[in-house]
């Protein structure tokens, strides 16, 4: 999007941000700048980008952990927990999957497996 490519490395829990115009990149550990509560305590997995109201967000699923969830990174690089399983609860050890928006971008979908 806008000549920027995002991808994650699961084992090192790293987000890479490539600027395709400048041919440069930056990297950061996922969950390194938390606001509010929640914890990105396992491996980042699927990512999608969304521009809503001129705000730019990247949504992550999480593979494994005691409370997998969906996490968000904002334009300033701060991470938020959107939703997650109860720690040690029904979805412990599972992963969040299948993040998607409805065509009108008003509904957000995901699942646990």
Foldseek 3Di string as FASTA:
>chain_A
DQQWDWDADFVQQKIKIARNVVRDIDMDHPQPAEDDDDDLPHGWDDWDWDQDPNWIKIWTKGQAAQKTAIKIATPVGYIYTPDIHDRNDDQHGWIKDDWDADPVRPDIDIGID
